[in-house]
Amino acid sequence: MADRANFVVVRESGEYELYVSRFGAVGIDLDLLAGPTAALAMVRRLHVDDWWLDDVLCQGAALIDLGRRVLLLFAWEGPSAGLRHRAAALELLRQAWPGWEVRWAYDGNADLRTYLGLDPEAVRDRGRGTWPGTVLAPDDEDLVHPEPTVAVVTVGSDGCHVVANTADHPIREGAALLDRLAGAPEHGVCRVDAEAGLHVDPLRRRVGWWTLGASAEAHDMPERWPGWTVDFWRDRWEEHVRVAAGRFRPPPVDRERALAEVRAAAERGRWD
């Protein structure tokens, strides 16, 4: 399976160059840790292409604006998409790109097009519906991994579920998610290094959600929850910890260890 990525270089004139890499999404954040000069050289070794990858095919992207000195990126995997290493990866990116503004594209490639003043609908796949992730039992073998590919869902004051994060973010299901979770396996307290999550407060009809990757139509989720207040916490998983009243307790992040591990991965050129 390919791990396709788009790269965009915006010249000082405002014109842009679009590139496609079949395997560029793998280690995209590690590649960018080499800094602007090396990143530009890497991108320009690709062929200029007019193919904007859609919400399904695009698994990573980076826009380098030379005039405004903005780096806009997202990745579905790698240190920047993991809870233990997210802050460290972004910290090192900002060090590697001094004087640049580093932003995350939570809406994937649509955010890159919006930045350029282009219609984001060109990369939408509106007809595909919603792909719900599997609700996992507490003894599921996937949860043995130290950084499982999961989203944590807490409901009210006593519901805690873990959903496989290999499909759509649970927020896309709307309030129908509550019906799907009725009778689903309970975890009591979720202590995993999740990649995404949300908290639903049925009494106040309020939902908050976060992701370390990207979610198609990320800025349009209130439309999927009519009559609810929807808070998008972006990558601030700490907000989920705060409102979940002890039911989401990921392991504490060791900043120095995380920085060292990301640096080592960048030197190896791969993320284990």
C-alpha atoms as a PDB file:
ATOM      1  CA  MET A   1       0.000   0.000   0.000  1.00  0.00           C
ATOM      2  CA  ALA A   2       1.298   3.429  -0.914  1.00  0.00           C
ATOM      3  CA  ASP A   3       1.732   6.208   1.622  1.00  0.00           C
ATOM      4  CA  ARG A   4       1.073   9.130  -0.680  1.00  0.00           C
ATOM      5  CA  ALA A   5       1.876  12.715   0.170  1.00  0.00           C
ATOM      6  CA  ASN A   6       1.522  16.118  -1.445  1.00  0.00           C
ATOM      7  CA  PHE A   7       4.225  18.738  -1.140  1.00  0.00           C
ATOM      8  CA  VAL A   8       3.665  22.382  -2.004  1.00  0.00           C
ATOM      9  CA  VAL A   9       6.336  25.043  -2.376  1.00  0.00           C
ATOM     10  CA  VAL A  10       5.034  28.605  -2.444  1.00  0.00           C
ATOM     11  CA  ARG A  11       7.491  30.973  -4.106  1.00  0.00           C
ATOM     12  CA  GLU A  12       8.049  34.552  -2.917  1.00  0.00           C
ATOM     13  CA  SER A  13       5.888  35.665  -5.868  1.00  0.00           C
ATOM     14  CA  GLY A  14       2.924  33.739  -4.438  1.00  0.00           C
ATOM     15  CA  GLU A  15       2.933  31.139  -7.220  1.00  0.00           C
ATOM     16  CA  TYR A  16       3.166  27.564  -6.040  1.00  0.00           C
ATOM     17  CA  GLU A  17       4.622  24.254  -7.181  1.00  0.00           C
ATOM     18  CA  LEU A  18       2.729  21.033  -6.427  1.00  0.00           C
ATOM     19  CA  TYR A  19       4.492  17.694  -6.019  1.00  0.00           C
ATOM     20  CA  VAL A  20       3.313  14.136  -5.332  1.00  0.00           C
ATOM     21  CA  SER A  21       5.304  11.411  -3.614  1.00  0.00           C
ATOM     22  CA  ARG A  22       4.023   7.851  -3.590  1.00  0.00           C
ATOM     23  CA  PHE A  23       5.768   7.015  -0.315  1.00  0.00           C
ATOM     24  CA  GLY A  24       6.414  10.532   1.023  1.00  0.00           C
ATOM     25  CA  ALA A  25       4.035  10.243   3.962  1.00  0.00           C
ATOM     26  CA  VAL A  26       6.362   7.759   5.674  1.00  0.00           C
ATOM     27  CA  GLY A  27       8.636   9.802   7.917  1.00  0.00           C
ATOM     28  CA  ILE A  28       7.484  13.138   6.537  1.00  0.00           C
ATOM     29  CA  ASP A  29       7.953  14.835   9.921  1.00  0.00           C
ATOM     30  CA  LEU A  30      11.420  13.300  10.313  1.00  0.00           C
ATOM     31  CA  ASP A  31      12.390  14.492   6.818  1.00  0.00           C
ATOM     32  CA  LEU A  32      11.322  18.036   7.671  1.00  0.00           C
ATOM     33  CA  LEU A  33      13.519  18.003  10.781  1.00  0.00           C
ATOM     34  CA  ALA A  34      16.463  18.483   8.394  1.00  0.00           C
ATOM     35  CA  GLY A  35      15.397  22.147   8.046  1.00  0.00           C
ATOM     36  CA  PRO A  36      14.255  24.348   5.135  1.00  0.00           C
ATOM     37  CA  THR A  37      17.250  23.979   2.816  1.00  0.00           C
ATOM     38  CA  ALA A  38      17.365  20.187   2.955  1.00  0.00           C
ATOM     39  CA  ALA A  39      13.562  19.913   2.817  1.00  0.00           C
ATOM     40  CA  LEU A  40      13.384  22.052  -0.328  1.00  0.00           C
ATOM     41  CA  ALA A  41      16.104  20.005  -1.984  1.00  0.00           C
ATOM     42  CA  MET A  42      14.224  16.798  -1.115  1.00  0.00           C
ATOM     43  CA  VAL A  43      10.909  18.108  -2.469  1.00  0.00           C
ATOM     44  CA  ARG A  44      12.375  19.461  -5.683  1.00  0.00           C
ATOM     45  CA  ARG A  45      13.878  16.083  -6.498  1.00  0.00           C
ATOM     46  CA  LEU A  46      10.270  14.984  -7.045  1.00  0.00           C
ATOM     47  CA  HIS A  47       8.381  15.699 -10.253  1.00  0.00           C
ATOM     48  CA  VAL A  48       6.007  18.655 -10.391  1.00  0.00           C
ATOM     49  CA  ASP A  49       2.486  17.257 -10.627  1.00  0.00           C
ATOM     50  CA  ASP A  50      -1.032  18.753 -10.687  1.00  0.00           C
ATOM     51  CA  TRP A  51      -2.584  15.863  -8.700  1.00  0.00           C
ATOM     52  CA  TRP A  52      -4.099  17.001  -5.443  1.00  0.00           C
ATOM     53  CA  LEU A  53      -4.609  13.859  -3.369  1.00  0.00           C
ATOM     54  CA  ASP A  54      -8.065  13.572  -1.821  1.00  0.00           C
ATOM     55  CA  ASP A  55      -9.103  13.010   1.798  1.00  0.00           C
ATOM     56  CA  VAL A  56      -8.733   9.236   1.422  1.00  0.00           C
ATOM     57  CA  LEU A  57      -5.478   8.963  -0.540  1.00  0.00           C
ATOM     58  CA  CYS A  58      -3.491  11.726   1.152  1.00  0.00           C
ATOM     59  CA  GLN A  59      -1.708  10.368   4.218  1.00  0.00           C
ATOM     60  CA  GLY A  60       0.641  13.276   4.768  1.00  0.00           C
ATOM     61  CA  ALA A  61       1.444  16.681   3.297  1.00  0.00           C
ATOM     62  CA  ALA A  62       3.636  19.714   3.746  1.00  0.00           C
ATOM     63  CA  LEU A  63       3.409  23.247   2.412  1.00  0.00           C
ATOM     64  CA  ILE A  64       6.534  25.417   2.470  1.00  0.00           C
ATOM     65  CA  ASP A  65       5.781  29.119   1.987  1.00  0.00           C
ATOM     66  CA  LEU A  66       9.092  30.813   1.238  1.00  0.00           C
ATOM     67  CA  GLY A  67       7.700  34.354   1.310  1.00  0.00           C
ATOM     68  CA  ARG A  68       5.670  34.201   4.511  1.00  0.00           C
ATOM     69  CA  ARG A  69       7.970  31.592   6.096  1.00  0.00           C
ATOM     70  CA  VAL A  70       5.165  29.222   7.022  1.00  0.00           C
ATOM     71  CA  LEU A  71       5.453  25.442   7.272  1.00  0.00           C
ATOM     72  CA  LEU A  72       2.031  23.742   7.205  1.00  0.00           C
ATOM     73  CA  LEU A  73       1.985  19.970   7.585  1.00  0.00           C
ATOM     74  CA  PHE A  74       0.205  16.878   8.771  1.00  0.00           C
ATOM     75  CA  ALA A  75       1.012  13.178   9.116  1.00  0.00           C
ATOM     76  CA  TRP A  76      -0.976  10.067   9.931  1.00  0.00           C
ATOM     77  CA  GLU A  77       2.008   8.291  11.455  1.00  0.00           C
ATOM     78  CA  GLY A  78       5.393   9.126  12.915  1.00  0.00           C
ATOM     79  CA  PRO A  79       6.504  10.912  16.094  1.00  0.00           C
ATOM     80  CA  SER A  80       4.295  13.949  15.501  1.00  0.00           C
ATOM     81  CA  ALA A  81       1.214  11.708  15.398  1.00  0.00           C
ATOM     82  CA  GLY A  82       1.917   9.947  18.708  1.00  0.00           C
ATOM     83  CA  LEU A  83       0.930  11.253  22.127  1.00  0.00           C
ATOM     84  CA  ARG A  84       4.294  10.585  23.815  1.00  0.00           C
ATOM     85  CA  HIS A  85       6.313  12.309  21.077  1.00  0.00           C
ATOM     86  CA  ARG A  86       3.954  14.921  19.633  1.00  0.00           C
ATOM     87  CA  ALA A  87       5.182  17.915  21.634  1.00  0.00           C
ATOM     88  CA  ALA A  88       8.825  16.893  21.217  1.00  0.00           C
ATOM     89  CA  ALA A  89       8.483  16.507  17.442  1.00  0.00           C
ATOM     90  CA  LEU A  90       6.878  19.929  17.052  1.00  0.00           C
ATOM     91  CA  GLU A  91       9.439  21.510  19.368  1.00  0.00           C
ATOM     92  CA  LEU A  92      12.282  20.100  17.278  1.00  0.00           C
ATOM     93  CA  LEU A  93      10.589  21.169  14.046  1.00  0.00           C
ATOM     94  CA  ARG A  94      10.389  24.749  15.300  1.00  0.00           C
ATOM     95  CA  GLN A  95      14.067  24.605  16.254  1.00  0.00           C
ATOM     96  CA  ALA A  96      14.964  23.254  12.814  1.00  0.00           C
ATOM     97  CA  TRP A  97      12.929  25.995  11.103  1.00  0.00           C
ATOM     98  CA  PRO A  98      13.978  29.132  13.052  1.00  0.00           C
ATOM     99  CA  GLY A  99      11.980  32.215  12.146  1.00  0.00           C
ATOM    100  CA  TRP A 100       9.239  30.079  10.569  1.00  0.00           C
ATOM    101  CA  GLU A 101       5.686  29.534  11.764  1.00  0.00           C
ATOM    102  CA  VAL A 102       4.983  25.808  12.057  1.00  0.00           C
ATOM    103  CA  ARG A 103       1.295  24.918  11.733  1.00  0.00           C
ATOM    104  CA  TRP A 104      -0.605  21.620  11.721  1.00  0.00           C
ATOM    105  CA  ALA A 105      -3.163  20.890   8.964  1.00  0.00           C
ATOM    106  CA  TYR A 106      -5.985  19.252  10.928  1.00  0.00           C
ATOM    107  CA  ASP A 107      -8.188  19.067   7.822  1.00  0.00           C
ATOM    108  CA  GLY A 108      -5.461  17.396   5.817  1.00  0.00           C
ATOM    109  CA  ASN A 109      -4.900  18.493   2.244  1.00  0.00           C
ATOM    110  CA  ALA A 110      -8.023  20.675   2.380  1.00  0.00           C
ATOM    111  CA  ASP A 111      -6.186  22.974   4.789  1.00  0.00           C
ATOM    112  CA  LEU A 112      -3.332  23.354   2.289  1.00  0.00           C
ATOM    113  CA  ARG A 113      -5.775  24.330  -0.448  1.00  0.00           C
ATOM    114  CA  THR A 114      -7.567  26.750   1.868  1.00  0.00           C
ATOM    115  CA  TYR A 115      -4.218  28.341   2.730  1.00  0.00           C
ATOM    116  CA  LEU A 116      -3.596  28.896  -0.981  1.00  0.00           C
ATOM    117  CA  GLY A 117      -7.054  30.389  -1.526  1.00  0.00           C
ATOM    118  CA  LEU A 118      -8.233  27.322  -3.449  1.00  0.00           C
ATOM    119  CA  ASP A 119     -11.511  25.440  -3.039  1.00  0.00           C
ATOM    120  CA  PRO A 120     -11.080  22.649  -0.435  1.00  0.00           C
ATOM    121  CA  GLU A 121     -13.973  20.734  -2.011  1.00  0.00           C
ATOM    122  CA  ALA A 122     -11.589  19.600  -4.756  1.00  0.00           C
ATOM    123  CA  VAL A 123     -10.066  17.072  -2.326  1.00  0.00           C
ATOM    124  CA  ARG A 124     -13.305  15.968  -0.663  1.00  0.00           C
ATOM    125  CA  ASP A 125     -14.818  12.539  -1.120  1.00  0.00           C
ATOM    126  CA  ARG A 126     -18.339  13.361  -0.017  1.00  0.00           C
ATOM    127  CA  GLY A 127     -19.853  10.166  -1.360  1.00  0.00           C
ATOM    128  CA  ARG A 128     -17.856   7.711   0.716  1.00  0.00           C
ATOM    129  CA  GLY A 129     -19.976   7.931   3.873  1.00  0.00           C
ATOM    130  CA  THR A 130     -18.485   7.313   7.325  1.00  0.00           C
ATOM    131  CA  TRP A 131     -16.212   4.409   8.212  1.00  0.00           C
ATOM    132  CA  PRO A 132     -16.622   3.654  11.948  1.00  0.00           C
ATOM    133  CA  GLY A 133     -13.709   2.147  13.847  1.00  0.00           C
ATOM    134  CA  THR A 134     -14.136  -1.139  15.717  1.00  0.00           C
ATOM    135  CA  VAL A 135     -14.898  -0.856  19.433  1.00  0.00           C
ATOM    136  CA  LEU A 136     -12.167  -2.779  21.258  1.00  0.00           C
ATOM    137  CA  ALA A 137     -12.504  -4.939  24.358  1.00  0.00           C
ATOM    138  CA  PRO A 138     -10.125  -4.308  27.295  1.00  0.00           C
ATOM    139  CA  ASP A 139      -8.209  -7.506  26.500  1.00  0.00           C
ATOM    140  CA  ASP A 140      -7.843  -6.798  22.767  1.00  0.00           C
ATOM    141  CA  GLU A 141      -4.349  -7.741  21.578  1.00  0.00           C
ATOM    142  CA  ASP A 142      -3.966  -4.367  19.824  1.00  0.00           C
ATOM    143  CA  LEU A 143      -3.873  -2.664  23.225  1.00  0.00           C
ATOM    144  CA  VAL A 144      -0.693  -4.511  24.203  1.00  0.00           C
ATOM    145  CA  HIS A 145       1.312  -2.198  21.940  1.00  0.00           C
ATOM    146  CA  PRO A 146       2.771   0.775  23.884  1.00  0.00           C
ATOM    147  CA  GLU A 147       1.329   3.201  21.300  1.00  0.00           C
ATOM    148  CA  PRO A 148      -1.800   1.523  19.942  1.00  0.00           C
ATOM    149  CA  THR A 149      -3.685   2.952  16.986  1.00  0.00           C
ATOM    150  CA  VAL A 150      -6.784   3.921  18.967  1.00  0.00           C
ATOM    151  CA  ALA A 151      -9.147   6.710  19.915  1.00  0.00           C
ATOM    152  CA  VAL A 152     -10.492   7.055  23.461  1.00  0.00           C
ATOM    153  CA  VAL A 153     -14.189   7.883  23.869  1.00  0.00           C
ATOM    154  CA  THR A 154     -15.565   8.913  27.255  1.00  0.00           C
ATOM    155  CA  VAL A 155     -19.286   9.446  27.793  1.00  0.00           C
ATOM    156  CA  GLY A 156     -20.847  11.303  30.672  1.00  0.00           C
ATOM    157  CA  SER A 157     -19.444  10.494  34.090  1.00  0.00           C
ATOM    158  CA  ASP A 158     -18.962   6.750  33.769  1.00  0.00           C
ATOM    159  CA  GLY A 159     -18.506   5.612  30.163  1.00  0.00           C
ATOM    160  CA  CYS A 160     -15.052   4.832  28.753  1.00  0.00           C
ATOM    161  CA  HIS A 161     -14.491   3.059  25.443  1.00  0.00           C
ATOM    162  CA  VAL A 162     -11.580   2.478  23.098  1.00  0.00           C
ATOM    163  CA  VAL A 163     -12.117   2.537  19.329  1.00  0.00           C
ATOM    164  CA  ALA A 164      -9.662   1.466  16.648  1.00  0.00           C
ATOM    165  CA  ASN A 165      -8.317   4.601  14.966  1.00  0.00           C
ATOM    166  CA  THR A 166      -7.807   2.875  11.618  1.00  0.00           C
ATOM    167  CA  ALA A 167     -10.953   4.358  10.086  1.00  0.00           C
ATOM    168  CA  ASP A 168     -12.720   7.685  10.605  1.00  0.00           C
ATOM    169  CA  HIS A 169     -12.473   9.662  13.813  1.00  0.00           C
ATOM    170  CA  PRO A 170     -15.520   8.783  15.980  1.00  0.00           C
ATOM    171  CA  ILE A 171     -16.562  12.456  15.938  1.00  0.00           C
ATOM    172  CA  ARG A 172     -17.698  11.977  12.314  1.00  0.00           C
ATOM    173  CA  GLU A 173     -20.465   9.593  13.415  1.00  0.00           C
ATOM    174  CA  GLY A 174     -22.443  12.330  15.127  1.00  0.00           C
ATOM    175  CA  ALA A 175     -24.811  11.503  17.979  1.00  0.00           C
ATOM    176  CA  ALA A 176     -25.384   8.064  16.402  1.00  0.00           C
ATOM    177  CA  LEU A 177     -22.079   7.164  18.058  1.00  0.00           C
ATOM    178  CA  LEU A 178     -23.900   6.972  21.400  1.00  0.00           C
ATOM    179  CA  ASP A 179     -26.248   4.278  20.091  1.00  0.00           C
ATOM    180  CA  ARG A 180     -23.288   2.291  18.752  1.00  0.00           C
ATOM    181  CA  LEU A 181     -21.527   2.446  22.117  1.00  0.00           C
ATOM    182  CA  ALA A 182     -24.580   1.370  24.111  1.00  0.00           C
ATOM    183  CA  GLY A 183     -23.628  -2.017  25.518  1.00  0.00           C
ATOM    184  CA  ALA A 184     -20.116  -1.826  24.058  1.00  0.00           C
ATOM    185  CA  PRO A 185     -17.138  -3.062  26.128  1.00  0.00           C
ATOM    186  CA  GLU A 186     -16.274  -0.749  29.012  1.00  0.00           C
ATOM    187  CA  HIS A 187     -12.710   0.032  30.012  1.00  0.00           C
ATOM    188  CA  GLY A 188     -13.340   1.834  33.288  1.00  0.00           C
ATOM    189  CA  VAL A 189     -10.157   3.890  33.036  1.00  0.00           C
ATOM    190  CA  CYS A 190      -8.284   4.257  29.730  1.00  0.00           C
ATOM    191  CA  ARG A 191      -4.521   4.417  30.293  1.00  0.00           C
ATOM    192  CA  VAL A 192      -3.369   4.169  26.675  1.00  0.00           C
ATOM    193  CA  ASP A 193      -1.273   6.521  24.557  1.00  0.00           C
ATOM    194  CA  ALA A 194      -4.158   7.271  22.221  1.00  0.00           C
ATOM    195  CA  GLU A 195      -3.877   9.102  18.897  1.00  0.00           C
ATOM    196  CA  ALA A 196      -7.294  10.728  19.147  1.00  0.00           C
ATOM    197  CA  GLY A 197     -10.296  11.025  21.393  1.00  0.00           C
ATOM    198  CA  LEU A 198     -13.510  12.710  22.349  1.00  0.00           C
ATOM    199  CA  HIS A 199     -15.665  13.307  25.383  1.00  0.00           C
ATOM    200  CA  VAL A 200     -19.457  13.388  25.154  1.00  0.00           C
ATOM    201  CA  ASP A 201     -21.551  15.116  27.814  1.00  0.00           C
ATOM    202  CA  PRO A 202     -25.155  14.021  27.054  1.00  0.00           C
ATOM    203  CA  LEU A 203     -26.686  16.162  29.799  1.00  0.00           C
ATOM    204  CA  ARG A 204     -25.162  19.417  28.534  1.00  0.00           C
ATOM    205  CA  ARG A 205     -25.285  18.199  24.917  1.00  0.00           C
ATOM    206  CA  ARG A 206     -21.642  19.102  24.505  1.00  0.00           C
ATOM    207  CA  VAL A 207     -18.834  17.176  22.827  1.00  0.00           C
ATOM    208  CA  GLY A 208     -15.116  17.898  22.717  1.00  0.00           C
ATOM    209  CA  TRP A 209     -12.638  16.136  20.467  1.00  0.00           C
ATOM    210  CA  TRP A 210      -8.973  16.077  19.522  1.00  0.00           C
ATOM    211  CA  THR A 211      -6.605  14.386  17.106  1.00  0.00           C
ATOM    212  CA  LEU A 212      -2.872  14.143  16.566  1.00  0.00           C
ATOM    213  CA  GLY A 213      -3.380  13.391  12.878  1.00  0.00           C
ATOM    214  CA  ALA A 214      -5.942  14.871  10.516  1.00  0.00           C
ATOM    215  CA  SER A 215      -9.654  14.324  10.017  1.00  0.00           C
ATOM    216  CA  ALA A 216     -11.538  15.149   6.842  1.00  0.00           C
ATOM    217  CA  GLU A 217     -13.901  18.110   7.314  1.00  0.00           C
ATOM    218  CA  ALA A 218     -12.362  18.734  10.739  1.00  0.00           C
ATOM    219  CA  HIS A 219     -13.743  22.278  10.907  1.00  0.00           C
ATOM    220  CA  ASP A 220     -17.278  21.194   9.947  1.00  0.00           C
ATOM    221  CA  MET A 221     -18.033  18.748  12.756  1.00  0.00           C
ATOM    222  CA  PRO A 222     -20.776  20.904  14.336  1.00  0.00           C
ATOM    223  CA  GLU A 223     -22.868  20.063  11.254  1.00  0.00           C
ATOM    224  CA  ARG A 224     -22.679  16.382  12.220  1.00  0.00           C
ATOM    225  CA  TRP A 225     -23.905  17.125  15.755  1.00  0.00           C
ATOM    226  CA  PRO A 226     -26.962  19.385  15.268  1.00  0.00           C
ATOM    227  CA  GLY A 227     -28.234  20.778  18.554  1.00  0.00           C
ATOM    228  CA  TRP A 228     -24.912  20.091  20.289  1.00  0.00           C
ATOM    229  CA  THR A 229     -22.002  22.342  21.180  1.00  0.00           C
ATOM    230  CA  VAL A 230     -18.839  20.969  19.564  1.00  0.00           C
ATOM    231  CA  ASP A 231     -15.408  21.972  20.902  1.00  0.00           C
ATOM    232  CA  PHE A 232     -12.427  21.177  18.697  1.00  0.00           C
ATOM    233  CA  TRP A 233      -9.393  20.863  20.971  1.00  0.00           C
ATOM    234  CA  ARG A 234      -7.012  20.287  18.032  1.00  0.00           C
ATOM    235  CA  ASP A 235      -4.083  18.330  19.563  1.00  0.00           C
ATOM    236  CA  ARG A 236      -4.763  19.349  23.170  1.00  0.00           C
ATOM    237  CA  TRP A 237      -5.443  15.888  24.586  1.00  0.00           C
ATOM    238  CA  GLU A 238      -4.988  17.380  28.059  1.00  0.00           C
ATOM    239  CA  GLU A 239      -8.461  18.928  27.684  1.00  0.00           C
ATOM    240  CA  HIS A 240      -9.881  15.422  27.396  1.00  0.00           C
ATOM    241  CA  VAL A 241      -8.002  14.330  30.502  1.00  0.00           C
ATOM    242  CA  ARG A 242      -9.428  17.331  32.350  1.00  0.00           C
ATOM    243  CA  VAL A 243     -13.101  16.780  31.502  1.00  0.00           C
ATOM    244  CA  ALA A 244     -13.057  12.974  31.687  1.00  0.00           C
ATOM    245  CA  ALA A 245     -12.831  13.060  35.504  1.00  0.00           C
ATOM    246  CA  GLY A 246     -10.094  10.450  35.809  1.00  0.00           C
ATOM    247  CA  ARG A 247     -11.295   8.023  33.132  1.00  0.00           C
ATOM    248  CA  PHE A 248      -8.633   8.945  30.578  1.00  0.00           C
ATOM    249  CA  ARG A 249      -5.168   8.722  32.145  1.00  0.00           C
ATOM    250  CA  PRO A 250      -2.427   8.294  29.558  1.00  0.00           C
ATOM    251  CA  PRO A 251       1.078   7.650  30.893  1.00  0.00           C
ATOM    252  CA  PRO A 252       2.988  10.842  31.750  1.00  0.00           C
ATOM    253  CA  VAL A 253       5.181  12.250  28.993  1.00  0.00           C
ATOM    254  CA  ASP A 254       8.918  12.353  29.667  1.00  0.00           C
ATOM    255  CA  ARG A 255       9.936  15.424  27.649  1.00  0.00           C
ATOM    256  CA  GLU A 256      13.687  14.812  27.642  1.00  0.00           C
ATOM    257  CA  ARG A 257      13.316  11.166  26.716  1.00  0.00           C
ATOM    258  CA  ALA A 258      10.855  12.061  23.959  1.00  0.00           C
ATOM    259  CA  LEU A 259      13.228  14.659  22.510  1.00  0.00           C
ATOM    260  CA  ALA A 260      16.090  12.149  22.543  1.00  0.00           C
ATOM    261  CA  GLU A 261      14.000   9.462  20.836  1.00  0.00           C
ATOM    262  CA  VAL A 262      12.818  11.805  18.075  1.00  0.00           C
ATOM    263  CA  ARG A 263      16.382  13.025  17.473  1.00  0.00           C
ATOM    264  CA  ALA A 264      17.591   9.427  17.262  1.00  0.00           C
ATOM    265  CA  ALA A 265      14.816   8.534  14.813  1.00  0.00           C
ATOM    266  CA  ALA A 266      15.713  11.515  12.643  1.00  0.00           C
ATOM    267  CA  GLU A 267      19.333  10.357  12.540  1.00  0.00           C
ATOM    268  CA  ARG A 268      18.242   6.837  11.534  1.00  0.00           C
ATOM    269  CA  GLY A 269      15.851   8.293   8.977  1.00  0.00           C
ATOM    270  CA  ARG A 270      12.936   6.159  10.116  1.00  0.00           C
ATOM    271  CA  TRP A 271      10.373   5.823  12.887  1.00  0.00           C
ATOM    272  CA  ASP A 272      10.121   2.405  14.566  1.00  0.00           C
END
